[in-house]
Amino acid sequence: MSHMENPATLVACGVPETDLASASITPDITPPLIHLQVARLTRRCAITAAMAEILAPLIFGGAAS
């Protein structure tokens, strides 16, 4: 491990310390999963969004929200 990868060295050099355990990789603007599944079904199966919303939980699994 080089000195640049050592967190203690980075903090000593002035790099802010981050807590990765509390970090989230999901942006606030991510649409709910059901909307992504509906969009995928409407594109691939040429069905309406209303029908895709009914079928999405059946095809992808999980509960509809």
C-alpha atoms as a PDB file:
ATOM      1  CA  MET A   1       0.000   0.000   0.000  1.00  0.00           C
ATOM      2  CA  SER A   2       1.452   3.324  -0.994  1.00  0.00           C
ATOM      3  CA  HIS A   3       1.466   6.321   1.324  1.00  0.00           C
ATOM      4  CA  MET A   4      -1.291   7.939  -0.770  1.00  0.00           C
ATOM      5  CA  GLU A   5      -3.687   5.040  -0.090  1.00  0.00           C
ATOM      6  CA  ASN A   6      -3.197   5.090   3.673  1.00  0.00           C
ATOM      7  CA  PRO A   7      -6.188   6.895   5.270  1.00  0.00           C
ATOM      8  CA  ALA A   8      -4.068   8.155   8.167  1.00  0.00           C
ATOM      9  CA  THR A   9      -1.630   9.741   5.731  1.00  0.00           C
ATOM     10  CA  LEU A  10      -4.420  11.293   3.699  1.00  0.00           C
ATOM     11  CA  VAL A  11      -5.991  12.872   6.791  1.00  0.00           C
ATOM     12  CA  ALA A  12      -2.581  14.187   7.844  1.00  0.00           C
ATOM     13  CA  CYS A  13      -2.212  15.784   4.392  1.00  0.00           C
ATOM     14  CA  GLY A  14      -5.496  17.645   4.815  1.00  0.00           C
ATOM     15  CA  VAL A  15      -7.873  15.357   2.931  1.00  0.00           C
ATOM     16  CA  PRO A  16     -11.239  15.354   4.728  1.00  0.00           C
ATOM     17  CA  GLU A  17     -12.070  12.107   6.500  1.00  0.00           C
ATOM     18  CA  THR A  18     -15.231  10.411   5.268  1.00  0.00           C
ATOM     19  CA  ASP A  19     -17.350   7.774   6.918  1.00  0.00           C
ATOM     20  CA  LEU A  20     -18.172   5.276   4.184  1.00  0.00           C
ATOM     21  CA  ALA A  21     -20.532   3.281   6.397  1.00  0.00           C
ATOM     22  CA  SER A  22     -22.998   6.171   6.516  1.00  0.00           C
ATOM     23  CA  ALA A  23     -22.549   7.143   2.863  1.00  0.00           C
ATOM     24  CA  SER A  24     -25.212   6.376   0.303  1.00  0.00           C
ATOM     25  CA  ILE A  25     -24.606   5.721  -3.377  1.00  0.00           C
ATOM     26  CA  THR A  26     -28.250   6.249  -4.316  1.00  0.00           C
ATOM     27  CA  PRO A  27     -28.896   9.760  -5.592  1.00  0.00           C
ATOM     28  CA  ASP A  28     -32.005  11.576  -4.386  1.00  0.00           C
ATOM     29  CA  ILE A  29     -33.342  11.814  -7.927  1.00  0.00           C
ATOM     30  CA  THR A  30     -33.520   8.064  -8.596  1.00  0.00           C
ATOM     31  CA  PRO A  31     -37.059   7.135  -9.633  1.00  0.00           C
ATOM     32  CA  PRO A  32     -38.749   4.281  -7.789  1.00  0.00           C
ATOM     33  CA  LEU A  33     -37.930   0.842  -9.135  1.00  0.00           C
ATOM     34  CA  ILE A  34     -41.490   0.273 -10.349  1.00  0.00           C
ATOM     35  CA  HIS A  35     -41.170   3.258 -12.710  1.00  0.00           C
ATOM     36  CA  LEU A  36     -37.978   1.856 -14.218  1.00  0.00           C
ATOM     37  CA  GLN A  37     -39.617  -1.536 -14.660  1.00  0.00           C
ATOM     38  CA  VAL A  38     -42.705   0.020 -16.269  1.00  0.00           C
ATOM     39  CA  ALA A  39     -40.538   2.000 -18.684  1.00  0.00           C
ATOM     40  CA  ARG A  40     -38.647  -1.139 -19.624  1.00  0.00           C
ATOM     41  CA  LEU A  41     -41.826  -3.123 -20.253  1.00  0.00           C
ATOM     42  CA  THR A  42     -43.446  -0.388 -22.345  1.00  0.00           C
ATOM     43  CA  ARG A  43     -40.362  -0.194 -24.562  1.00  0.00           C
ATOM     44  CA  ARG A  44     -39.794  -3.924 -24.952  1.00  0.00           C
ATOM     45  CA  CYS A  45     -43.358  -5.236 -25.101  1.00  0.00           C
ATOM     46  CA  ALA A  46     -45.253  -2.375 -26.766  1.00  0.00           C
ATOM     47  CA  ILE A  47     -47.884  -2.202 -24.006  1.00  0.00           C
ATOM     48  CA  THR A  48     -49.404   0.761 -22.215  1.00  0.00           C
ATOM     49  CA  ALA A  49     -47.919   2.107 -19.009  1.00  0.00           C
ATOM     50  CA  ALA A  50     -51.058   1.097 -17.088  1.00  0.00           C
ATOM     51  CA  MET A  51     -50.735  -2.506 -18.230  1.00  0.00           C
ATOM     52  CA  ALA A  52     -46.988  -2.483 -17.561  1.00  0.00           C
ATOM     53  CA  GLU A  53     -47.596  -1.250 -14.007  1.00  0.00           C
ATOM     54  CA  ILE A  54     -49.878  -4.234 -13.393  1.00  0.00           C
ATOM     55  CA  LEU A  55     -47.474  -6.727 -14.950  1.00  0.00           C
ATOM     56  CA  ALA A  56     -44.177  -5.394 -13.550  1.00  0.00           C
ATOM     57  CA  PRO A  57     -44.506  -7.003 -10.077  1.00  0.00           C
ATOM     58  CA  LEU A  58     -45.464 -10.289 -11.689  1.00  0.00           C
ATOM     59  CA  ILE A  59     -42.580 -10.283 -14.148  1.00  0.00           C
ATOM     60  CA  PHE A  60     -39.828  -8.743 -12.022  1.00  0.00           C
ATOM     61  CA  GLY A  61     -41.071  -9.971  -8.647  1.00  0.00           C
ATOM     62  CA  GLY A  62     -41.788  -7.855  -5.605  1.00  0.00           C
ATOM     63  CA  ALA A  63     -44.739  -5.826  -4.490  1.00  0.00           C
ATOM     64  CA  ALA A  64     -46.141  -2.906  -6.430  1.00  0.00           C
ATOM     65  CA  SER A  65     -45.793   0.461  -4.765  1.00  0.00           C
END
